[in-house]
Protein backbone atom coordinates (compact mmCIF):
# COMPACT_ATOMS: atom_id res chain seq x y z
CA UNK A 1 15.15 -19.59 -10.42
CA UNK A 2 14.21 -16.95 -7.88
CA UNK A 3 11.10 -15.01 -8.89
CA UNK A 4 11.78 -11.27 -8.92
CA UNK A 5 9.06 -8.70 -9.54
CA UNK A 6 9.01 -4.93 -9.24
CA UNK A 7 6.77 -1.94 -8.85
CA UNK A 8 8.18 1.03 -10.70
CA UNK A 9 5.99 4.14 -10.33
CA UNK A 10 6.83 7.51 -11.79
CA UNK A 11 6.66 10.29 -9.16
CA UNK A 12 4.99 12.72 -11.54
CA UNK A 13 1.79 12.25 -9.55
CA UNK A 14 0.55 10.55 -6.42
CA UNK A 15 0.06 6.81 -6.00
CA UNK A 16 -3.45 5.98 -7.23
CA UNK A 17 -5.55 2.83 -7.01
CA UNK A 18 -4.49 1.58 -10.45
CA UNK A 19 -0.86 1.74 -9.37
CA UNK A 20 -1.70 0.07 -6.06
CA UNK A 21 -3.38 -2.85 -7.83
CA UNK A 22 -0.29 -3.28 -10.03
CA UNK A 23 1.94 -3.19 -6.95
CA UNK A 24 -0.34 -5.64 -5.13
CA UNK A 25 -0.34 -8.21 -7.94
CA UNK A 26 3.45 -7.93 -8.30
CA UNK A 27 3.88 -8.26 -4.52
CA UNK A 28 1.53 -11.25 -4.33
CA UNK A 29 3.26 -13.05 -7.18
CA UNK A 30 6.63 -12.68 -5.49
CA UNK A 31 5.31 -13.74 -2.09
CA UNK A 32 3.36 -16.67 -3.56
CA UNK A 33 6.53 -18.10 -5.09
CA UNK A 34 8.94 -17.21 -2.31
CA UNK A 35 10.51 -14.54 -4.50
CA UNK A 36 11.59 -10.93 -4.09
CA UNK A 37 9.69 -7.71 -4.65
CA UNK A 38 11.61 -4.59 -5.64
CA UNK A 39 10.53 -0.94 -5.43
CA UNK A 40 11.97 1.36 -8.08
CA UNK A 41 11.23 5.06 -8.49
CA UNK A 42 11.35 6.06 -12.17
CA UNK A 43 12.14 9.73 -11.66
CA UNK A 44 13.97 10.65 -14.87
CA UNK A 45 11.27 13.16 -15.80
CA UNK A 46 12.93 15.86 -13.74
CA UNK A 47 10.50 18.61 -14.65
CA UNK A 48 7.41 16.73 -13.45
CA UNK A 49 8.84 14.51 -10.69
CA UNK A 50 8.43 15.86 -7.18
CA UNK A 51 9.76 14.92 -3.75
CA UNK A 52 6.20 15.10 -2.41
CA UNK A 53 5.06 12.45 -4.88
CA UNK A 54 8.03 10.22 -3.98
CA UNK A 55 7.18 10.50 -0.29
CA UNK A 56 3.50 9.79 -0.98
CA UNK A 57 4.42 6.62 -2.91
CA UNK A 58 6.65 5.32 -0.11
CA UNK A 59 4.14 6.29 2.60
CA UNK A 60 1.28 4.71 0.66
CA UNK A 61 3.15 1.43 0.19
CA UNK A 62 4.04 1.37 3.89
CA UNK A 63 0.43 2.07 4.93
CA UNK A 64 -0.76 -0.80 2.74
CA UNK A 65 1.88 -3.13 4.14
CA UNK A 66 3.35 -3.91 0.70
CA UNK A 67 6.91 -4.24 1.96
CA UNK A 68 9.69 -4.31 -0.62
CA UNK A 69 12.72 -6.57 -0.31
CA UNK A 70 15.06 -4.23 -2.18
CA UNK A 71 15.02 -0.51 -2.88
CA UNK A 72 13.71 1.99 -3.33
CA UNK A 73 16.06 2.46 -6.27
CA UNK A 74 16.06 5.83 -8.04
CA UNK A 75 16.75 6.11 -11.75
CA UNK A 76 18.30 9.55 -11.33
CA UNK A 77 21.07 7.85 -9.37
CA UNK A 78 21.88 5.47 -12.22
CA UNK A 79 22.69 7.84 -15.08
CA UNK A 80 26.29 6.63 -15.31
CA UNK A 81 25.07 3.09 -15.88
CA UNK A 82 22.64 4.22 -18.60
CA UNK A 83 25.39 6.13 -20.40
CA UNK A 84 27.57 3.03 -20.25
CA UNK A 85 24.90 0.94 -21.96
CA UNK A 86 24.21 3.61 -24.56
CA UNK A 87 27.94 3.76 -25.39
CA UNK A 88 27.94 -0.02 -25.69
CA UNK A 89 25.06 0.05 -28.18
CA UNK A 90 26.77 2.78 -30.20
CA UNK A 91 30.08 0.89 -30.25
CA UNK A 92 28.35 -2.30 -31.42
CA UNK A 93 26.49 -0.48 -34.19
CA UNK A 94 23.13 -1.08 -32.52
CA UNK A 95 22.41 2.61 -31.99
CA UNK A 96 23.22 5.79 -33.90
CA UNK A 97 23.20 9.56 -33.66
CA UNK A 98 20.23 11.32 -35.24
CA UNK A 99 20.60 14.95 -36.35
CA UNK A 100 17.10 15.43 -37.71
CA UNK A 101 15.65 18.79 -36.78
CA UNK A 102 12.31 19.29 -35.11
CA UNK A 103 11.01 20.90 -38.31
CA UNK A 104 12.00 17.89 -40.43
CA UNK A 105 10.30 15.48 -38.04
CA UNK A 106 7.14 17.59 -37.93
CA UNK A 107 7.02 17.75 -41.74
CA UNK A 108 7.59 14.00 -41.94
CA UNK A 109 4.74 13.36 -39.54
CA UNK A 110 2.39 15.70 -41.42
CA UNK A 111 3.19 13.99 -44.71
CA UNK A 112 2.62 10.52 -43.28
CA UNK A 113 -0.66 11.59 -41.73
CA UNK A 114 -1.77 13.10 -45.03
CA UNK A 115 -1.16 9.72 -46.69
CA UNK A 116 -2.93 7.95 -43.83
CA UNK A 117 0.26 6.27 -42.78
CA UNK A 118 1.29 5.45 -39.22
CA UNK A 119 3.56 8.31 -38.03
CA UNK A 120 7.07 7.03 -37.33
CA UNK A 121 10.69 7.91 -37.87
CA UNK A 122 11.91 7.01 -41.35
CA UNK A 123 15.51 6.08 -40.43
CA UNK A 124 16.95 9.11 -42.22
CA UNK A 125 20.13 9.17 -40.08
CA UNK A 126 20.46 5.40 -39.72
CA UNK A 127 23.21 5.18 -42.33
CA UNK A 128 24.34 8.81 -42.30
CA UNK A 129 27.72 9.35 -43.97
CA UNK A 130 29.99 12.36 -44.11
CA UNK A 131 30.50 15.02 -41.47
CA UNK A 132 27.51 15.53 -39.18
CA UNK A 133 26.04 19.02 -38.74
CA UNK A 134 28.05 20.93 -36.15
CA UNK A 135 25.20 23.17 -35.01
CA UNK A 136 22.79 20.39 -33.99
CA UNK A 137 22.92 18.41 -30.76
CA UNK A 138 21.88 14.92 -31.83
CA UNK A 139 19.65 12.44 -30.11
CA UNK A 140 20.59 8.77 -30.03
CA UNK A 141 18.29 6.20 -31.57
CA UNK A 142 18.17 2.44 -31.14
CA UNK A 143 18.62 0.59 -34.41
CA UNK A 144 15.48 -1.52 -34.36
CA UNK A 145 15.45 -4.67 -36.53
CA UNK A 146 13.63 -4.07 -39.81
CA UNK A 147 12.40 -7.62 -40.34
CA UNK A 148 10.97 -10.39 -38.22
CA UNK A 149 8.45 -10.48 -35.41
CA UNK A 150 8.39 -10.09 -31.66
CA UNK A 151 6.18 -12.68 -30.02
CA UNK A 152 5.07 -11.61 -26.55
CA UNK A 153 3.73 -14.56 -24.56
CA UNK A 154 1.78 -12.44 -22.13
CA UNK A 155 0.61 -14.22 -19.00
CA UNK A 156 -2.71 -12.35 -19.10
CA UNK A 157 -3.29 -11.27 -22.70
CA UNK A 158 -2.01 -14.48 -24.26
CA UNK A 159 0.24 -14.41 -27.32
CA UNK A 160 0.61 -10.96 -28.88
CA UNK A 161 2.62 -10.57 -32.09
CA UNK A 162 4.32 -7.38 -33.27
CA UNK A 163 6.04 -6.89 -36.62
CA UNK A 164 9.40 -5.15 -36.53
CA UNK A 165 8.44 -3.37 -39.73
CA UNK A 166 5.80 -1.50 -37.70
CA UNK A 167 8.33 -0.19 -35.20
CA UNK A 168 10.64 2.75 -35.77
CA UNK A 169 14.04 3.54 -34.33
CA UNK A 170 13.09 4.96 -30.98
CA UNK A 171 15.12 7.61 -29.18
CA UNK A 172 17.11 6.18 -26.26
CA UNK A 173 18.95 9.40 -25.32
CA UNK A 174 17.76 12.98 -25.70
CA UNK A 175 19.86 15.77 -27.16
CA UNK A 176 20.96 16.78 -23.66
CA UNK A 177 22.25 13.25 -23.05
CA UNK A 178 19.52 12.13 -20.65
CA UNK A 179 18.20 8.61 -21.28
CA UNK A 180 14.58 7.94 -22.18
CA UNK A 181 12.08 5.66 -20.48
CA UNK A 182 12.41 2.67 -22.80
CA UNK A 183 16.18 2.60 -22.29
CA UNK A 184 16.21 3.10 -18.52
CA UNK A 185 13.52 0.52 -17.83
CA UNK A 186 15.35 -2.07 -19.91
CA UNK A 187 18.67 -1.49 -18.17
CA UNK A 188 17.03 -1.54 -14.75
CA UNK A 189 15.08 -4.74 -15.41
CA UNK A 190 18.26 -6.33 -16.76
CA UNK A 191 20.53 -5.24 -13.93
CA UNK A 192 17.95 -6.04 -11.26
CA UNK A 193 17.37 -9.48 -12.77
CA UNK A 194 13.63 -9.13 -13.12
CA UNK A 195 11.95 -12.41 -14.03
CA UNK A 196 8.36 -11.17 -14.26
CA UNK A 197 7.09 -7.73 -15.26
CA UNK A 198 3.51 -7.13 -14.13
CA UNK A 199 2.21 -3.73 -15.26
CA UNK A 200 -0.67 -1.91 -16.88
CA UNK A 201 -1.60 -2.67 -20.47
CA UNK A 202 -0.85 0.92 -21.42
CA UNK A 203 2.74 -0.37 -21.55
CA UNK A 204 1.97 -3.23 -23.93
CA UNK A 205 3.10 -1.28 -27.00
CA UNK A 206 6.43 -0.56 -25.28
CA UNK A 207 7.07 -4.25 -24.71
CA UNK A 208 8.30 -5.21 -28.22
CA UNK A 209 10.67 -2.23 -28.24
CA UNK A 210 12.04 -3.20 -24.84
CA UNK A 211 12.42 -6.84 -25.86
CA UNK A 212 14.44 -5.80 -28.92
CA UNK A 213 16.77 -3.71 -26.76
CA UNK A 214 17.14 -6.53 -24.24
CA UNK A 215 18.03 -8.96 -27.00
CA UNK A 216 20.49 -6.46 -28.50
CA UNK A 217 22.22 -6.38 -25.11
CA UNK A 218 22.24 -10.16 -24.82
CA UNK A 219 20.00 -9.98 -21.77
CA UNK A 220 17.42 -12.53 -20.65
CA UNK A 221 13.92 -11.40 -21.54
CA UNK A 222 11.54 -11.54 -18.56
CA UNK A 223 7.98 -12.78 -18.71
CA UNK A 224 5.35 -10.08 -19.11
CA UNK A 225 1.84 -9.75 -17.72
CA UNK A 226 -0.20 -6.70 -18.70
CA UNK A 227 -3.17 -5.76 -16.52
CA UNK A 228 -6.28 -4.28 -18.10
CA UNK A 229 -7.30 -0.82 -17.02
CA UNK A 230 -9.70 0.02 -14.21
CA UNK A 231 -12.86 1.83 -15.28
CA UNK A 232 -15.01 4.29 -13.36
CA UNK A 233 -18.76 4.01 -12.84
CA UNK A 234 -19.30 5.69 -16.21
CA UNK A 235 -17.24 3.14 -18.14
CA UNK A 236 -14.39 5.58 -18.69
CA UNK A 237 -10.84 5.02 -17.53
CA UNK A 238 -10.50 5.71 -13.80
CA UNK A 239 -9.19 9.24 -13.32
CA UNK A 240 -9.20 12.26 -11.02
CA UNK A 241 -12.83 13.02 -11.80
CA UNK A 242 -13.75 9.66 -10.24
CA UNK A 243 -11.87 10.62 -7.08
CA UNK A 244 -8.82 8.48 -7.89
CA UNK A 245 -6.21 11.01 -6.85
CA UNK A 246 -4.01 9.66 -4.08
CA UNK A 247 -4.25 6.34 -2.27
CA UNK A 248 -3.52 8.21 0.97
CA UNK A 249 -6.88 9.94 0.50
CA UNK A 250 -8.44 6.60 1.43
CA UNK A 251 -6.41 6.62 4.64
CA UNK A 252 -7.58 10.16 5.37
CA UNK A 253 -11.20 9.19 4.70
CA UNK A 254 -11.02 6.34 7.19
CA UNK A 255 -10.58 3.27 5.03
CA UNK A 256 -8.54 0.35 6.32
CA UNK A 257 -5.57 -0.81 4.23
CA UNK A 258 -6.77 -4.42 4.37
CA UNK A 259 -10.17 -3.40 3.01
CA UNK A 260 -8.61 -1.52 0.10
CA UNK A 261 -6.26 -4.41 -0.72
CA UNK A 262 -9.10 -6.93 -0.49
CA UNK A 263 -11.15 -4.79 -2.85
CA UNK A 264 -8.34 -4.25 -5.35
CA UNK A 265 -7.32 -7.91 -5.46
CA UNK A 266 -10.82 -8.69 -6.72
CA UNK A 267 -10.58 -6.10 -9.50
CA UNK A 268 -9.70 -8.44 -12.33
CA UNK A 269 -8.89 -11.55 -10.28
CA UNK A 270 -11.10 -14.10 -8.59
CA UNK A 271 -10.99 -17.33 -6.64
CA UNK A 272 -14.38 -18.91 -7.07
CA UNK A 273 -17.07 -16.81 -5.41
CA UNK A 274 -14.93 -15.83 -2.43
CA UNK A 275 -15.16 -12.13 -1.58
CA UNK A 276 -13.26 -11.80 1.71
CA UNK A 277 -9.53 -12.57 1.74
CA UNK A 278 -7.04 -12.25 4.54
CA UNK A 279 -3.57 -11.13 3.52
CA UNK A 280 -2.28 -14.69 3.83
CA UNK A 281 -5.18 -16.04 1.77
CA UNK A 282 -4.36 -13.54 -0.96
CA UNK A 283 -0.81 -14.90 -1.06
CA UNK A 284 -1.78 -18.57 -0.88
CA UNK A 285 -4.58 -18.40 -3.45
CA UNK A 286 -3.22 -15.84 -5.92
CA UNK A 287 -2.86 -17.22 -9.44
CA UNK A 288 -1.69 -14.90 -12.20
CA UNK A 289 -3.41 -17.10 -14.78
CA UNK A 290 -6.75 -16.31 -13.13
CA UNK A 291 -6.47 -12.58 -13.87
CA UNK A 292 -9.10 -11.48 -16.37
CA UNK A 293 -8.00 -9.74 -19.55
CA UNK A 294 -11.08 -7.48 -19.68
CA UNK A 295 -11.25 -4.15 -17.81
CA UNK A 296 -12.58 -4.05 -14.25
CA UNK A 297 -15.02 -1.44 -12.92
CA UNK A 298 -14.41 0.42 -9.67
CA UNK A 299 -17.38 0.41 -7.29
CA UNK A 300 -17.18 2.72 -4.29
CA UNK A 301 -20.18 1.12 -2.59
CA UNK A 302 -18.51 -2.30 -2.67
CA UNK A 303 -15.33 -0.83 -1.19
CA UNK A 304 -17.36 0.83 1.56
CA UNK A 305 -19.11 -2.48 2.31
CA UNK A 306 -15.75 -4.22 2.63
CA UNK A 307 -14.43 -1.46 4.85
CA UNK A 308 -17.40 -1.82 7.17
CA UNK A 309 -16.85 -5.58 7.28
CA UNK A 310 -13.23 -5.13 8.36
CA UNK A 311 -14.18 -2.53 10.97
CA UNK A 312 -16.64 -5.04 12.46
CA UNK A 313 -14.29 -8.01 12.39
CA UNK A 314 -10.76 -6.68 12.93
CA UNK A 315 -8.84 -6.75 16.19
CA UNK A 316 -9.88 -3.70 18.28
CA UNK A 317 -6.28 -2.97 19.28
CA UNK A 318 -5.26 -2.82 15.63
CA UNK A 319 -8.24 -0.63 14.74
CA UNK A 320 -7.46 1.70 17.64
CA UNK A 321 -4.14 2.57 15.99
CA UNK A 322 -5.91 3.62 12.80
CA UNK A 323 -8.62 5.41 14.79
CA UNK A 324 -5.95 7.42 16.61
CA UNK A 325 -4.85 8.81 13.24
CA UNK A 326 -8.42 9.86 12.51
CA UNK A 327 -8.87 11.48 15.90
CA UNK A 328 -5.65 13.42 15.50
CA UNK A 329 -6.67 14.49 11.99
CA UNK A 330 -10.07 15.67 13.25
CA UNK A 331 -8.68 17.60 16.21
CA UNK A 332 -9.93 15.18 18.87
CA UNK A 333 -7.69 15.07 21.95
CA UNK A 334 -7.90 11.49 23.19
CA UNK A 335 -5.65 11.99 26.21
CA UNK A 336 -8.64 12.87 28.43
CA UNK A 337 -11.15 10.10 27.94
CA UNK A 338 -11.63 6.35 27.48
CA UNK A 339 -9.09 4.09 25.70
CA UNK A 340 -9.64 4.04 21.95
CA UNK A 341 -9.86 0.26 22.04
CA UNK A 342 -13.06 0.61 24.09
CA UNK A 343 -14.44 3.15 21.60
CA UNK A 344 -13.79 0.69 18.78
CA UNK A 345 -15.69 -2.04 20.64
CA UNK A 346 -18.61 0.31 21.24
CA UNK A 347 -18.76 1.88 17.78
CA UNK A 348 -17.61 -0.89 15.40
CA UNK A 349 -21.15 -1.81 14.33
CA UNK A 350 -22.11 1.81 13.75
CA UNK A 351 -19.52 3.14 11.32
CA UNK A 352 -18.61 2.48 7.71
CA UNK A 353 -15.33 4.37 7.97
CA UNK A 354 -12.96 5.21 10.79
CA UNK A 355 -13.38 8.88 10.00
CA UNK A 356 -17.10 8.50 10.67
CA UNK A 357 -16.29 6.62 13.88
CA UNK A 358 -13.95 9.38 15.05
CA UNK A 359 -16.43 12.14 14.32
CA UNK A 360 -19.24 10.23 16.05
CA UNK A 361 -17.04 9.68 19.10
CA UNK A 362 -15.99 13.26 19.72
CA UNK A 363 -18.37 13.61 22.68
CA UNK A 364 -16.39 11.02 24.62
CA UNK A 365 -13.42 13.40 24.80
CA UNK A 366 -14.96 16.82 25.41
CA UNK A 367 -16.05 18.43 28.67
CA UNK A 368 -19.24 19.76 27.09
CA UNK A 369 -21.34 18.80 24.10
CA UNK A 370 -23.20 20.72 21.43
CA UNK A 371 -26.91 19.96 21.62
CA UNK A 372 -28.87 19.05 18.52
CA UNK A 373 -31.93 21.31 18.69
CA UNK A 374 -34.24 18.77 17.09
CA UNK A 375 -33.18 16.07 19.56
CA UNK A 376 -33.63 18.49 22.48
CA UNK A 377 -37.17 19.44 21.39
CA UNK A 378 -38.11 15.80 20.92
CA UNK A 379 -36.66 14.27 24.10
CA UNK A 380 -35.91 16.96 26.71
CA UNK A 381 -39.52 17.88 27.52
CA UNK A 382 -40.79 19.23 30.88
CA UNK A 383 -42.33 15.85 31.74
CA UNK A 384 -38.91 14.22 31.85
CA UNK A 385 -37.36 16.82 34.18
CA UNK A 386 -38.16 15.00 37.43
CA UNK A 387 -37.07 11.50 36.28
CA UNK A 388 -33.89 12.89 34.74
CA UNK A 389 -33.11 14.84 37.93
CA UNK A 390 -33.55 11.68 39.99
CA UNK A 391 -31.39 9.73 37.55
CA UNK A 392 -28.66 12.36 37.76
CA UNK A 393 -28.71 12.21 41.54
CA UNK A 394 -28.47 8.43 41.60
CA UNK A 395 -25.60 8.37 39.07
CA UNK A 396 -23.69 10.97 41.07
CA UNK A 397 -23.84 8.75 44.17
CA UNK A 398 -22.70 5.57 42.44
CA UNK A 399 -19.61 4.08 44.11
CA UNK A 400 -19.01 1.45 41.42
CA UNK A 401 -19.00 2.92 37.92
CA UNK A 402 -19.61 0.16 35.39
CA UNK A 403 -22.15 -0.77 32.75
CA UNK A 404 -24.02 -3.13 35.10
CA UNK A 405 -24.62 -0.55 37.84
CA UNK A 406 -25.52 2.14 35.29
CA UNK A 407 -27.95 -0.21 33.56
CA UNK A 408 -29.61 -1.07 36.88
CA UNK A 409 -30.13 2.59 37.81
CA UNK A 410 -31.65 3.49 34.42
CA UNK A 411 -34.07 0.56 34.79
CA UNK A 412 -34.92 1.51 38.36
CA UNK A 413 -35.79 5.10 37.41
CA UNK A 414 -37.89 3.90 34.48
CA UNK A 415 -39.85 1.57 36.75
CA UNK A 416 -40.33 4.17 39.49
CA UNK A 417 -41.78 6.72 37.07
CA UNK A 418 -43.66 4.06 35.07
CA UNK A 419 -41.78 4.87 31.89
CA UNK A 420 -40.77 2.63 29.05
CA UNK A 421 -37.01 2.24 29.05
CA UNK A 422 -36.62 4.32 25.89
CA UNK A 423 -38.51 7.23 27.47
CA UNK A 424 -35.68 7.73 29.97
CA UNK A 425 -32.78 6.31 27.93
CA UNK A 426 -33.27 8.70 25.02
CA UNK A 427 -33.40 11.88 27.16
CA UNK A 428 -30.30 10.60 28.96
CA UNK A 429 -28.58 9.99 25.64
CA UNK A 430 -29.35 13.51 24.41
CA UNK A 431 -28.18 14.95 27.72
CA UNK A 432 -24.78 13.23 27.66
CA UNK A 433 -24.03 13.14 23.89
CA UNK A 434 -26.00 16.10 22.55
CA UNK A 435 -27.75 13.91 19.98
CA UNK A 436 -30.15 11.02 19.72
CA UNK A 437 -27.77 8.34 18.45
CA UNK A 438 -24.96 6.55 20.30
CA UNK A 439 -23.89 3.06 21.38
CA UNK A 440 -26.06 1.38 24.08
CA UNK A 441 -26.80 3.93 26.77
CA UNK A 442 -25.10 2.05 29.62
CA UNK A 443 -21.92 1.68 27.54
CA UNK A 444 -22.09 5.31 26.42
CA UNK A 445 -22.50 6.68 29.93
CA UNK A 446 -19.79 4.39 31.31
CA UNK A 447 -17.25 5.52 28.70
CA UNK A 448 -18.07 9.21 29.14
CA UNK A 449 -17.27 8.86 32.83
CA UNK A 450 -19.11 9.72 36.05
CA UNK A 451 -18.02 13.35 36.43
CA UNK A 452 -18.72 14.36 32.84
CA UNK A 453 -22.03 12.45 32.80
CA UNK A 454 -23.37 14.23 35.88
CA UNK A 455 -22.22 17.64 34.67
CA UNK A 456 -23.85 17.13 31.27
CA UNK A 457 -27.16 15.99 32.74
CA UNK A 458 -27.24 19.06 34.97
CA UNK A 459 -26.64 21.28 31.98
CA UNK A 460 -29.38 19.51 30.03
CA UNK A 461 -31.81 19.98 32.91
CA UNK A 462 -31.33 23.72 32.56
CA UNK A 463 -32.76 23.46 29.05
């Protein structure tokens, strides 16, 4: 049997971290077992679904490197197939038209609530006889079994039992003929031969209904695994107020996709005490039976720590590609300045995010710098004017511009004027960067370039 999993987001909002974790676990399970991972866009909610959300989902999955083997499939392109299945259920007496008005259903609900009963449809039209009302457009309901149990052998939750007597006849087609979620998802999972459904536990109550429809169609029931929710720092379900809006926000804020995936794979799953996982290790070690059934808490500080780890340890060429995005987003023109790979090597130990790295590297790509007044007052004092002038002159006459020759000149000036190295290096740093923090001064000056370095020192001397 070929393992087939799917990620089926609804484009009524952007792809958030909870959805990404679901996609990741589904993707890992398929890859672990040499199976196939399918992307399906459940866009039947036409009023709330947007093209922007669809694009954000596809872009987010691509950024994370969660490649799908089939799709994306769109439910709005499969309406004919859904109608075919609905007609089949009607013809076989497994579904029926319901003419109950909105008022009747509201009154029924109010009465049940008053008697402290679980609100559900009472099957009023299940055995309707005679001519149906001509002025009402009916919905179509699935004829749910009235007796027996549905036993869900969940791969995470364990065995969960539902009584059919607790389930009502759910609507599978609205009065305008459009199919509902529980019908479309069943048909899609059936047609696409899904073997394992990994999704959030907010869908657990839908599972017995979907199993009953699958069995009514004579379809093979897949195995289910329901992931517990992700909580925010306050113990509440992760939501917009926790910053969980769009996974692409993490890209914009300078997080690496590998860091985010590494963090999310540990939200509810573990392999001993291991914290750092390469993509291949995630695949090789992933075990769905090791997923915890209790909710996981999202910790921004831990994610930031992981991001910093990957910035320090990743291939500079790979990081340069991500850094280019940040520079472009922050209006930094990198065409006139050092290669971004060299910036990564110089700044990797000094940034927690690539956005921070880009912003702290702006001075490498500008002709002039903005001086920090506090740094100027502290380091560009009259006493340093003569040494800094000498240093500028020596740097301007250098015929070999590299870190070794720059380092030697800075040391020589410090010795000549009997200064500690920091007493000349810090004024030089302020002169060429505008601030008091940068990579090692020889590396900083080398990357800025000879012409810009000399011009900036001259400008600083005027202060």
